[in-house]
Amino acid sequence: MGVEIKISPLIQTLIGIAETVEVEGTSARECLDNLARENPGIKEVIFDKNGVMKVIILRNGIVLPQNCLDNEVSDKDIITILAPMAGG
Protein backbone atom coordinates (compact mmCIF):
# COMPACT_ATOMS: atom_id res chain seq x y z
CA MET A 1 0.00 0.00 0.00
CA GLY A 2 1.26 3.49 -0.81
CA VAL A 3 0.61 7.15 -0.14
CA GLU A 4 -2.32 8.73 -1.96
CA ILE A 5 -1.53 11.84 -3.99
CA LYS A 6 -4.39 14.07 -5.15
CA ILE A 7 -3.65 16.39 -8.04
CA SER A 8 -5.47 19.64 -8.83
CA PRO A 9 -7.50 19.80 -12.06
CA LEU A 10 -5.18 22.39 -13.64
CA ILE A 11 -2.14 20.15 -13.20
CA GLN A 12 -4.13 17.13 -14.37
CA THR A 13 -4.89 18.98 -17.60
CA LEU A 14 -1.30 20.21 -18.06
CA ILE A 15 0.31 16.79 -17.96
CA GLY A 16 -2.55 14.36 -18.51
CA ILE A 17 -2.53 12.66 -15.12
CA ALA A 18 -5.33 11.15 -13.05
CA GLU A 19 -6.88 13.03 -10.13
CA THR A 20 -5.59 10.51 -7.61
CA VAL A 21 -2.40 8.48 -7.84
CA GLU A 22 -0.89 6.06 -5.34
CA VAL A 23 2.89 6.01 -4.92
CA GLU A 24 5.38 4.47 -2.54
CA GLY A 25 7.61 6.60 -0.34
CA THR A 26 8.63 7.30 3.22
CA SER A 27 8.72 11.11 2.85
CA ALA A 28 6.75 13.62 0.79
CA ARG A 29 9.87 14.29 -1.30
CA GLU A 30 10.34 10.58 -2.04
CA CYS A 31 6.65 10.28 -2.98
CA LEU A 32 6.95 13.27 -5.33
CA ASP A 33 10.14 11.84 -6.86
CA ASN A 34 8.40 8.50 -7.44
CA LEU A 35 5.39 10.32 -8.92
CA ALA A 36 7.75 12.16 -11.31
CA ARG A 37 9.41 8.89 -12.39
CA GLU A 38 6.01 7.48 -13.34
CA ASN A 39 4.64 10.71 -14.87
CA PRO A 40 7.10 12.61 -17.04
CA GLY A 41 6.59 16.35 -16.95
CA ILE A 42 5.19 16.70 -13.45
CA LYS A 43 8.55 17.50 -11.83
CA GLU A 44 8.81 20.67 -13.94
CA VAL A 45 5.30 21.63 -12.83
CA ILE A 46 6.10 21.09 -9.13
CA PHE A 47 9.66 22.49 -8.94
CA ASP A 48 11.56 25.24 -10.75
CA LYS A 49 15.08 24.69 -12.16
CA ASN A 50 16.56 25.46 -8.71
CA GLY A 51 14.39 22.89 -6.95
CA VAL A 52 12.05 25.45 -5.37
CA MET A 53 8.38 24.44 -5.18
CA LYS A 54 6.11 26.22 -7.65
CA VAL A 55 2.94 24.62 -6.28
CA ILE A 56 1.25 24.26 -2.92
CA ILE A 57 1.72 20.88 -1.25
CA LEU A 58 -0.66 19.74 1.48
CA ARG A 59 -0.24 16.76 3.78
CA ASN A 60 -3.57 15.71 5.24
CA GLY A 61 -4.99 19.16 4.46
CA ILE A 62 -2.15 21.15 6.08
CA VAL A 63 0.28 23.18 3.98
CA LEU A 64 3.66 21.46 3.83
CA PRO A 65 6.52 23.97 3.56
CA GLN A 66 9.42 23.04 1.29
CA ASN A 67 11.72 22.55 4.28
CA CYS A 68 9.36 19.80 5.55
CA LEU A 69 9.30 17.66 2.39
CA ASP A 70 11.70 15.19 3.99
CA ASN A 71 9.43 14.56 7.00
CA GLU A 72 8.14 11.01 7.28
CA VAL A 73 4.77 10.11 5.75
CA SER A 74 2.63 7.01 6.28
CA ASP A 75 0.29 4.96 4.12
CA LYS A 76 -2.68 6.77 5.69
CA ASP A 77 -1.46 10.20 4.60
CA ILE A 78 -2.88 12.12 1.65
CA ILE A 79 -0.60 14.48 -0.23
CA THR A 80 -2.38 17.10 -2.32
CA ILE A 81 -0.72 19.11 -5.09
CA LEU A 82 -2.43 22.43 -5.79
CA ALA A 83 -1.59 24.88 -8.52
CA PRO A 84 -1.18 28.39 -7.09
CA MET A 85 -3.87 30.76 -8.25
CA ALA A 86 -3.50 34.45 -9.01
CA GLY A 87 -5.89 37.06 -10.17
CA GLY A 88 -7.94 39.88 -8.99
PDB file of N, CA and C in Angstrom:
ATOM      1  N   MET A   1       0.847  -1.189   0.000  1.00  0.00           N
ATOM      2  CA  MET A   1       0.000   0.000   0.000  1.00  0.00           C
ATOM      3  C   MET A   1       0.883   1.240   0.000  1.00  0.00           C
ATOM      4  N   GLY A   2       0.460   2.285  -0.694  1.00  0.00           N
ATOM      5  CA  GLY A   2       1.259   3.489  -0.810  1.00  0.00           C
ATOM      6  C   GLY A   2       0.541   4.719  -0.296  1.00  0.00           C
ATOM      7  N   VAL A   3       1.160   5.850  -0.532  1.00  0.00           N
ATOM      8  CA  VAL A   3       0.611   7.148  -0.141  1.00  0.00           C
ATOM      9  C   VAL A   3      -0.254   7.665  -1.287  1.00  0.00           C
ATOM     10  N   GLU A   4      -1.413   8.182  -0.953  1.00  0.00           N
ATOM     11  CA  GLU A   4      -2.323   8.730  -1.960  1.00  0.00           C
ATOM     12  C   GLU A   4      -1.923  10.166  -2.271  1.00  0.00           C
ATOM     13  N   ILE A   5      -1.808  10.475  -3.554  1.00  0.00           N
ATOM     14  CA  ILE A   5      -1.532  11.842  -3.995  1.00  0.00           C
ATOM     15  C   ILE A   5      -2.720  12.319  -4.813  1.00  0.00           C
ATOM     16  N   LYS A   6      -3.295  13.449  -4.399  1.00  0.00           N
ATOM     17  CA  LYS A   6      -4.390  14.072  -5.148  1.00  0.00           C
ATOM     18  C   LYS A   6      -3.812  15.252  -5.915  1.00  0.00           C
ATOM     19  N   ILE A   7      -4.230  15.390  -7.155  1.00  0.00           N
ATOM     20  CA  ILE A   7      -3.655  16.391  -8.041  1.00  0.00           C
ATOM     21  C   ILE A   7      -4.741  17.330  -8.530  1.00  0.00           C
ATOM     22  N   SER A   8      -4.469  18.638  -8.444  1.00  0.00           N
ATOM     23  CA  SER A   8      -5.466  19.638  -8.834  1.00  0.00           C
ATOM     24  C   SER A   8      -5.824  19.514 -10.312  1.00  0.00           C
ATOM     25  N   PRO A   9      -7.047  19.903 -10.671  1.00  0.00           N
ATOM     26  CA  PRO A   9      -7.503  19.795 -12.064  1.00  0.00           C
ATOM     27  C   PRO A   9      -6.591  20.509 -13.067  1.00  0.00           C
ATOM     28  N   LEU A  10      -6.049  21.661 -12.708  1.00  0.00           N
ATOM     29  CA  LEU A  10      -5.183  22.394 -13.638  1.00  0.00           C
ATOM     30  C   LEU A  10      -3.940  21.565 -13.973  1.00  0.00           C
ATOM     31  N   ILE A  11      -3.328  20.979 -12.959  1.00  0.00           N
ATOM     32  CA  ILE A  11      -2.139  20.153 -13.195  1.00  0.00           C
ATOM     33  C   ILE A  11      -2.513  18.888 -13.943  1.00  0.00           C
ATOM     34  N   GLN A  12      -3.665  18.314 -13.637  1.00  0.00           N
ATOM     35  CA  GLN A  12      -4.131  17.133 -14.371  1.00  0.00           C
ATOM     36  C   GLN A  12      -4.188  17.433 -15.863  1.00  0.00           C
ATOM     37  N   THR A  13      -4.741  18.586 -16.194  1.00  0.00           N
ATOM     38  CA  THR A  13      -4.892  18.983 -17.595  1.00  0.00           C
ATOM     39  C   THR A  13      -3.533  19.240 -18.249  1.00  0.00           C
ATOM     40  N   LEU A  14      -2.618  19.882 -17.506  1.00  0.00           N
ATOM     41  CA  LEU A  14      -1.302  20.211 -18.064  1.00  0.00           C
ATOM     42  C   LEU A  14      -0.508  18.984 -18.471  1.00  0.00           C
ATOM     43  N   ILE A  15      -0.554  17.943 -17.660  1.00  0.00           N
ATOM     44  CA  ILE A  15       0.308  16.794 -17.961  1.00  0.00           C
ATOM     45  C   ILE A  15      -0.450  15.501 -18.241  1.00  0.00           C
ATOM     46  N   GLY A  16      -1.774  15.549 -18.199  1.00  0.00           N
ATOM     47  CA  GLY A  16      -2.552  14.359 -18.513  1.00  0.00           C
ATOM     48  C   GLY A  16      -2.413  13.266 -17.472  1.00  0.00           C
ATOM     49  N   ILE A  17      -2.668  13.602 -16.232  1.00  0.00           N
ATOM     50  CA  ILE A  17      -2.527  12.655 -15.124  1.00  0.00           C
ATOM     51  C   ILE A  17      -3.878  12.509 -14.427  1.00  0.00           C
ATOM     52  N   ALA A  18      -4.082  11.397 -13.768  1.00  0.00           N
ATOM     53  CA  ALA A  18      -5.330  11.153 -13.045  1.00  0.00           C
ATOM     54  C   ALA A  18      -5.435  12.054 -11.818  1.00  0.00           C
ATOM     55  N   GLU A  19      -6.650  12.197 -11.311  1.00  0.00           N
ATOM     56  CA  GLU A  19      -6.882  13.034 -10.132  1.00  0.00           C
ATOM     57  C   GLU A  19      -6.197  12.466  -8.891  1.00  0.00           C
ATOM     58  N   THR A  20      -6.193  11.159  -8.761  1.00  0.00           N
ATOM     59  CA  THR A  20      -5.592  10.506  -7.607  1.00  0.00           C
ATOM     60  C   THR A  20      -4.627   9.419  -8.080  1.00  0.00           C
ATOM     61  N   VAL A  21      -3.438   9.444  -7.500  1.00  0.00           N
ATOM     62  CA  VAL A  21      -2.401   8.482  -7.844  1.00  0.00           C
ATOM     63  C   VAL A  21      -1.843   7.930  -6.541  1.00  0.00           C
ATOM     64  N   GLU A  22      -1.523   6.656  -6.516  1.00  0.00           N
ATOM     65  CA  GLU A  22      -0.894   6.062  -5.342  1.00  0.00           C
ATOM     66  C   GLU A  22       0.564   5.784  -5.652  1.00  0.00           C
ATOM     67  N   VAL A  23       1.451   6.225  -4.751  1.00  0.00           N
ATOM     68  CA  VAL A  23       2.891   6.006  -4.925  1.00  0.00           C
ATOM     69  C   VAL A  23       3.478   5.505  -3.615  1.00  0.00           C
ATOM     70  N   GLU A  24       4.649   4.913  -3.720  1.00  0.00           N
ATOM     71  CA  GLU A  24       5.384   4.473  -2.543  1.00  0.00           C
ATOM     72  C   GLU A  24       6.338   5.584  -2.122  1.00  0.00           C
ATOM     73  N   GLY A  25       6.636   5.642  -0.836  1.00  0.00           N
ATOM     74  CA  GLY A  25       7.607   6.597  -0.337  1.00  0.00           C
ATOM     75  C   GLY A  25       7.500   6.748   1.159  1.00  0.00           C
ATOM     76  N   THR A  26       8.617   7.107   1.779  1.00  0.00           N
ATOM     77  CA  THR A  26       8.633   7.303   3.225  1.00  0.00           C
ATOM     78  C   THR A  26       8.614   8.780   3.613  1.00  0.00           C
ATOM     79  N   SER A  27       8.806   9.656   2.622  1.00  0.00           N
ATOM     80  CA  SER A  27       8.717  11.106   2.845  1.00  0.00           C
ATOM     81  C   SER A  27       7.943  11.719   1.686  1.00  0.00           C
ATOM     82  N   ALA A  28       7.470  12.941   1.874  1.00  0.00           N
ATOM     83  CA  ALA A  28       6.749  13.622   0.794  1.00  0.00           C
ATOM     84  C   ALA A  28       7.655  13.779  -0.424  1.00  0.00           C
ATOM     85  N   ARG A  29       8.932  14.110  -0.185  1.00  0.00           N
ATOM     86  CA  ARG A  29       9.869  14.287  -1.302  1.00  0.00           C
ATOM     87  C   ARG A  29      10.042  12.981  -2.085  1.00  0.00           C
ATOM     88  N   GLU A  30      10.184  11.869  -1.372  1.00  0.00           N
ATOM     89  CA  GLU A  30      10.341  10.580  -2.042  1.00  0.00           C
ATOM     90  C   GLU A  30       9.079  10.224  -2.828  1.00  0.00           C
ATOM     91  N   CYS A  31       7.913  10.529  -2.268  1.00  0.00           N
ATOM     92  CA  CYS A  31       6.654  10.284  -2.981  1.00  0.00           C
ATOM     93  C   CYS A  31       6.581  11.125  -4.253  1.00  0.00           C
ATOM     94  N   LEU A  32       6.967  12.397  -4.159  1.00  0.00           N
ATOM     95  CA  LEU A  32       6.948  13.271  -5.333  1.00  0.00           C
ATOM     96  C   LEU A  32       7.957  12.810  -6.376  1.00  0.00           C
ATOM     97  N   ASP A  33       9.137  12.364  -5.926  1.00  0.00           N
ATOM     98  CA  ASP A  33      10.143  11.841  -6.865  1.00  0.00           C
ATOM     99  C   ASP A  33       9.614  10.602  -7.579  1.00  0.00           C
ATOM    100  N   ASN A  34       8.959   9.707  -6.830  1.00  0.00           N
ATOM    101  CA  ASN A  34       8.398   8.501  -7.444  1.00  0.00           C
ATOM    102  C   ASN A  34       7.256   8.848  -8.394  1.00  0.00           C
ATOM    103  N   LEU A  35       6.460   9.846  -8.037  1.00  0.00           N
ATOM    104  CA  LEU A  35       5.394  10.319  -8.925  1.00  0.00           C
ATOM    105  C   LEU A  35       6.001  10.838 -10.230  1.00  0.00           C
ATOM    106  N   ALA A  36       7.097  11.591 -10.124  1.00  0.00           N
ATOM    107  CA  ALA A  36       7.755  12.155 -11.311  1.00  0.00           C
ATOM    108  C   ALA A  36       8.348  11.059 -12.198  1.00  0.00           C
ATOM    109  N   ARG A  37       8.865   9.994 -11.593  1.00  0.00           N
ATOM    110  CA  ARG A  37       9.413   8.886 -12.394  1.00  0.00           C
ATOM    111  C   ARG A  37       8.321   8.218 -13.221  1.00  0.00           C
ATOM    112  N   GLU A  38       7.126   8.144 -12.654  1.00  0.00           N
ATOM    113  CA  GLU A  38       6.013   7.482 -13.337  1.00  0.00           C
ATOM    114  C   GLU A  38       5.245   8.412 -14.271  1.00  0.00           C
ATOM    115  N   ASN A  39       5.411   9.719 -14.109  1.00  0.00           N
ATOM    116  CA  ASN A  39       4.638  10.707 -14.871  1.00  0.00           C
ATOM    117  C   ASN A  39       5.555  11.818 -15.370  1.00  0.00           C
ATOM    118  N   PRO A  40       6.193  11.599 -16.502  1.00  0.00           N
ATOM    119  CA  PRO A  40       7.104  12.615 -17.039  1.00  0.00           C
ATOM    120  C   PRO A  40       6.406  13.967 -17.181  1.00  0.00           C
ATOM    121  N   GLY A  41       7.124  15.003 -16.824  1.00  0.00           N
ATOM    122  CA  GLY A  41       6.594  16.354 -16.954  1.00  0.00           C
ATOM    123  C   GLY A  41       6.087  16.947 -15.659  1.00  0.00           C
ATOM    124  N   ILE A  42       5.760  16.129 -14.679  1.00  0.00           N
ATOM    125  CA  ILE A  42       5.193  16.700 -13.454  1.00  0.00           C
ATOM    126  C   ILE A  42       6.266  17.372 -12.595  1.00  0.00           C
ATOM    127  N   LYS A  43       7.491  16.889 -12.648  1.00  0.00           N
ATOM    128  CA  LYS A  43       8.549  17.501 -11.829  1.00  0.00           C
ATOM    129  C   LYS A  43       8.742  18.967 -12.199  1.00  0.00           C
ATOM    130  N   GLU A  44       8.661  19.281 -13.498  1.00  0.00           N
ATOM    131  CA  GLU A  44       8.814  20.668 -13.942  1.00  0.00           C
ATOM    132  C   GLU A  44       7.624  21.526 -13.533  1.00  0.00           C
ATOM    133  N   VAL A  45       6.481  20.906 -13.303  1.00  0.00           N
ATOM    134  CA  VAL A  45       5.296  21.626 -12.827  1.00  0.00           C
ATOM    135  C   VAL A  45       5.421  21.906 -11.323  1.00  0.00           C
ATOM    136  N   ILE A  46       6.009  20.969 -10.595  1.00  0.00           N
ATOM    137  CA  ILE A  46       6.099  21.091  -9.134  1.00  0.00           C
ATOM    138  C   ILE A  46       7.279  21.958  -8.709  1.00  0.00           C
ATOM    139  N   PHE A  47       8.448  21.787  -9.357  1.00  0.00           N
ATOM    140  CA  PHE A  47       9.664  22.489  -8.943  1.00  0.00           C
ATOM    141  C   PHE A  47      10.240  23.320 -10.083  1.00  0.00           C
ATOM    142  N   ASP A  48      10.859  24.462  -9.728  1.00  0.00           N
ATOM    143  CA  ASP A  48      11.557  25.237 -10.749  1.00  0.00           C
ATOM    144  C   ASP A  48      12.954  24.636 -10.956  1.00  0.00           C
ATOM    145  N   LYS A  49      13.766  25.250 -11.813  1.00  0.00           N
ATOM    146  CA  LYS A  49      15.079  24.692 -12.156  1.00  0.00           C
ATOM    147  C   LYS A  49      16.038  24.665 -10.967  1.00  0.00           C
ATOM    148  N   ASN A  50      15.736  25.442  -9.916  1.00  0.00           N
ATOM    149  CA  ASN A  50      16.562  25.461  -8.713  1.00  0.00           C
ATOM    150  C   ASN A  50      16.026  24.540  -7.615  1.00  0.00           C
ATOM    151  N   GLY A  51      14.966  23.809  -7.925  1.00  0.00           N
ATOM    152  CA  GLY A  51      14.394  22.892  -6.945  1.00  0.00           C
ATOM    153  C   GLY A  51      13.420  23.518  -5.969  1.00  0.00           C
ATOM    154  N   VAL A  52      13.003  24.754  -6.231  1.00  0.00           N
ATOM    155  CA  VAL A  52      12.047  25.451  -5.371  1.00  0.00           C
ATOM    156  C   VAL A  52      10.627  25.102  -5.819  1.00  0.00           C
ATOM    157  N   MET A  53       9.762  24.802  -4.857  1.00  0.00           N
ATOM    158  CA  MET A  53       8.382  24.437  -5.183  1.00  0.00           C
ATOM    159  C   MET A  53       7.657  25.588  -5.869  1.00  0.00           C
ATOM    160  N   LYS A  54       6.936  25.251  -6.940  1.00  0.00           N
ATOM    161  CA  LYS A  54       6.108  26.221  -7.649  1.00  0.00           C
ATOM    162  C   LYS A  54       4.625  26.009  -7.351  1.00  0.00           C
ATOM    163  N   VAL A  55       4.316  24.971  -6.596  1.00  0.00           N
ATOM    164  CA  VAL A  55       2.938  24.617  -6.279  1.00  0.00           C
ATOM    165  C   VAL A  55       2.761  24.614  -4.767  1.00  0.00           C
ATOM    166  N   ILE A  56       1.541  24.383  -4.342  1.00  0.00           N
ATOM    167  CA  ILE A  56       1.250  24.256  -2.918  1.00  0.00           C
ATOM    168  C   ILE A  56       1.071  22.769  -2.630  1.00  0.00           C
ATOM    169  N   ILE A  57       1.803  22.283  -1.649  1.00  0.00           N
ATOM    170  CA  ILE A  57       1.721  20.876  -1.253  1.00  0.00           C
ATOM    171  C   ILE A  57       1.045  20.810   0.111  1.00  0.00           C
ATOM    172  N   LEU A  58       0.028  19.971   0.212  1.00  0.00           N
ATOM    173  CA  LEU A  58      -0.659  19.743   1.485  1.00  0.00           C
ATOM    174  C   LEU A  58      -0.406  18.304   1.920  1.00  0.00           C
ATOM    175  N   ARG A  59      -0.286  18.114   3.209  1.00  0.00           N
ATOM    176  CA  ARG A  59      -0.241  16.764   3.784  1.00  0.00           C
ATOM    177  C   ARG A  59      -1.395  16.680   4.757  1.00  0.00           C
ATOM    178  N   ASN A  60      -2.363  15.854   4.428  1.00  0.00           N
ATOM    179  CA  ASN A  60      -3.573  15.712   5.241  1.00  0.00           C
ATOM    180  C   ASN A  60      -4.265  17.062   5.467  1.00  0.00           C
ATOM    181  N   GLY A  61      -4.278  17.885   4.424  1.00  0.00           N
ATOM    182  CA  GLY A  61      -4.989  19.159   4.464  1.00  0.00           C
ATOM    183  C   GLY A  61      -4.217  20.315   5.065  1.00  0.00           C
ATOM    184  N   ILE A  62      -2.972  20.090   5.479  1.00  0.00           N
ATOM    185  CA  ILE A  62      -2.151  21.147   6.083  1.00  0.00           C
ATOM    186  C   ILE A  62      -1.002  21.467   5.134  1.00  0.00           C
ATOM    187  N   VAL A  63      -0.778  22.765   4.891  1.00  0.00           N
ATOM    188  CA  VAL A  63       0.285  23.182   3.982  1.00  0.00           C
ATOM    189  C   VAL A  63       1.619  22.629   4.475  1.00  0.00           C
ATOM    190  N   LEU A  64       2.355  22.053   3.537  1.00  0.00           N
ATOM    191  CA  LEU A  64       3.656  21.463   3.833  1.00  0.00           C
ATOM    192  C   LEU A  64       4.734  22.358   3.237  1.00  0.00           C
ATOM    193  N   PRO A  65       5.460  23.107   4.081  1.00  0.00           N
ATOM    194  CA  PRO A  65       6.523  23.972   3.555  1.00  0.00           C
ATOM    195  C   PRO A  65       7.633  23.138   2.909  1.00  0.00           C
ATOM    196  N   GLN A  66       8.372  23.746   2.009  1.00  0.00           N
ATOM    197  CA  GLN A  66       9.425  23.045   1.291  1.00  0.00           C
ATOM    198  C   GLN A  66      10.427  22.418   2.253  1.00  0.00           C
ATOM    199  N   ASN A  67      10.729  23.088   3.354  1.00  0.00           N
ATOM    200  CA  ASN A  67      11.719  22.545   4.281  1.00  0.00           C
ATOM    201  C   ASN A  67      11.191  21.355   5.083  1.00  0.00           C
ATOM    202  N   CYS A  68       9.947  20.963   4.868  1.00  0.00           N
ATOM    203  CA  CYS A  68       9.362  19.801   5.553  1.00  0.00           C
ATOM    204  C   CYS A  68       9.103  18.631   4.607  1.00  0.00           C
ATOM    205  N   LEU A  69       9.546  18.731   3.364  1.00  0.00           N
ATOM    206  CA  LEU A  69       9.296  17.662   2.393  1.00  0.00           C
ATOM    207  C   LEU A  69       9.968  16.347   2.775  1.00  0.00           C
ATOM    208  N   ASP A  70      11.000  16.408   3.606  1.00  0.00           N
ATOM    209  CA  ASP A  70      11.702  15.192   3.991  1.00  0.00           C
ATOM    210  C   ASP A  70      11.124  14.551   5.253  1.00  0.00           C
ATOM    211  N   ASN A  71      10.086  15.160   5.835  1.00  0.00           N
ATOM    212  CA  ASN A  71       9.432  14.561   6.995  1.00  0.00           C
ATOM    213  C   ASN A  71       8.765  13.252   6.597  1.00  0.00           C
ATOM    214  N   GLU A  72       8.710  12.331   7.535  1.00  0.00           N
ATOM    215  CA  GLU A  72       8.139  11.008   7.283  1.00  0.00           C
ATOM    216  C   GLU A  72       6.642  11.083   6.993  1.00  0.00           C
ATOM    217  N   VAL A  73       6.195  10.258   6.053  1.00  0.00           N
ATOM    218  CA  VAL A  73       4.769  10.110   5.750  1.00  0.00           C
ATOM    219  C   VAL A  73       4.395   8.639   5.950  1.00  0.00           C
ATOM    220  N   SER A  74       3.093   8.389   6.107  1.00  0.00           N
ATOM    221  CA  SER A  74       2.626   7.014   6.282  1.00  0.00           C
ATOM    222  C   SER A  74       1.601   6.686   5.209  1.00  0.00           C
ATOM    223  N   ASP A  75       1.260   5.413   5.120  1.00  0.00           N
ATOM    224  CA  ASP A  75       0.289   4.960   4.125  1.00  0.00           C
ATOM    225  C   ASP A  75      -1.073   5.619   4.282  1.00  0.00           C
ATOM    226  N   LYS A  76      -1.377   6.137   5.451  1.00  0.00           N
ATOM    227  CA  LYS A  76      -2.676   6.765   5.691  1.00  0.00           C
ATOM    228  C   LYS A  76      -2.695   8.232   5.278  1.00  0.00           C
ATOM    229  N   ASP A  77      -1.538   8.790   4.960  1.00  0.00           N
ATOM    230  CA  ASP A  77      -1.458  10.203   4.597  1.00  0.00           C
ATOM    231  C   ASP A  77      -1.962  10.446   3.179  1.00  0.00           C
ATOM    232  N   ILE A  78      -2.469  11.666   2.981  1.00  0.00           N
ATOM    233  CA  ILE A  78      -2.884  12.118   1.653  1.00  0.00           C
ATOM    234  C   ILE A  78      -2.086  13.370   1.334  1.00  0.00           C
ATOM    235  N   ILE A  79      -1.352  13.326   0.246  1.00  0.00           N
ATOM    236  CA  ILE A  79      -0.604  14.481  -0.231  1.00  0.00           C
ATOM    237  C   ILE A  79      -1.401  15.096  -1.369  1.00  0.00           C
ATOM    238  N   THR A  80      -1.631  16.395  -1.288  1.00  0.00           N
ATOM    239  CA  THR A  80      -2.379  17.099  -2.320  1.00  0.00           C
ATOM    240  C   THR A  80      -1.465  18.116  -2.986  1.00  0.00           C
ATOM    241  N   ILE A  81      -1.511  18.151  -4.314  1.00  0.00           N
ATOM    242  CA  ILE A  81      -0.719  19.113  -5.087  1.00  0.00           C
ATOM    243  C   ILE A  81      -1.685  20.108  -5.704  1.00  0.00           C
ATOM    244  N   LEU A  82      -1.551  21.365  -5.293  1.00  0.00           N
ATOM    245  CA  LEU A  82      -2.434  22.429  -5.790  1.00  0.00           C
ATOM    246  C   LEU A  82      -1.641  23.422  -6.607  1.00  0.00           C
ATOM    247  N   ALA A  83      -2.192  23.826  -7.721  1.00  0.00           N
ATOM    248  CA  ALA A  83      -1.586  24.881  -8.523  1.00  0.00           C
ATOM    249  C   ALA A  83      -1.897  26.218  -7.851  1.00  0.00           C
ATOM    250  N   PRO A  84      -0.899  27.079  -7.672  1.00  0.00           N
ATOM    251  CA  PRO A  84      -1.178  28.387  -7.088  1.00  0.00           C
ATOM    252  C   PRO A  84      -2.056  29.201  -8.022  1.00  0.00           C
ATOM    253  N   MET A  85      -2.962  29.955  -7.458  1.00  0.00           N
ATOM    254  CA  MET A  85      -3.873  30.761  -8.252  1.00  0.00           C
ATOM    255  C   MET A  85      -3.557  32.236  -8.041  1.00  0.00           C
ATOM    256  N   ALA A  86      -3.707  33.011  -9.078  1.00  0.00           N
ATOM    257  CA  ALA A  86      -3.503  34.448  -9.007  1.00  0.00           C
ATOM    258  C   ALA A  86      -4.643  35.118  -9.759  1.00  0.00           C
ATOM    259  N   GLY A  87      -4.842  36.330  -9.460  1.00  0.00           N
ATOM    260  CA  GLY A  87      -5.890  37.062 -10.168  1.00  0.00           C
ATOM    261  C   GLY A  87      -6.402  38.204  -9.319  1.00  0.00           C
ATOM    262  N   GLY A  88      -7.437  38.781  -9.790  1.00  0.00           N
ATOM    263  CA  GLY A  88      -7.943  39.883  -8.988  1.00  0.00           C
ATOM    264  C   GLY A  88      -9.073  40.583  -9.618  1.00  0.00           C
TER     265      GLY A  88
END
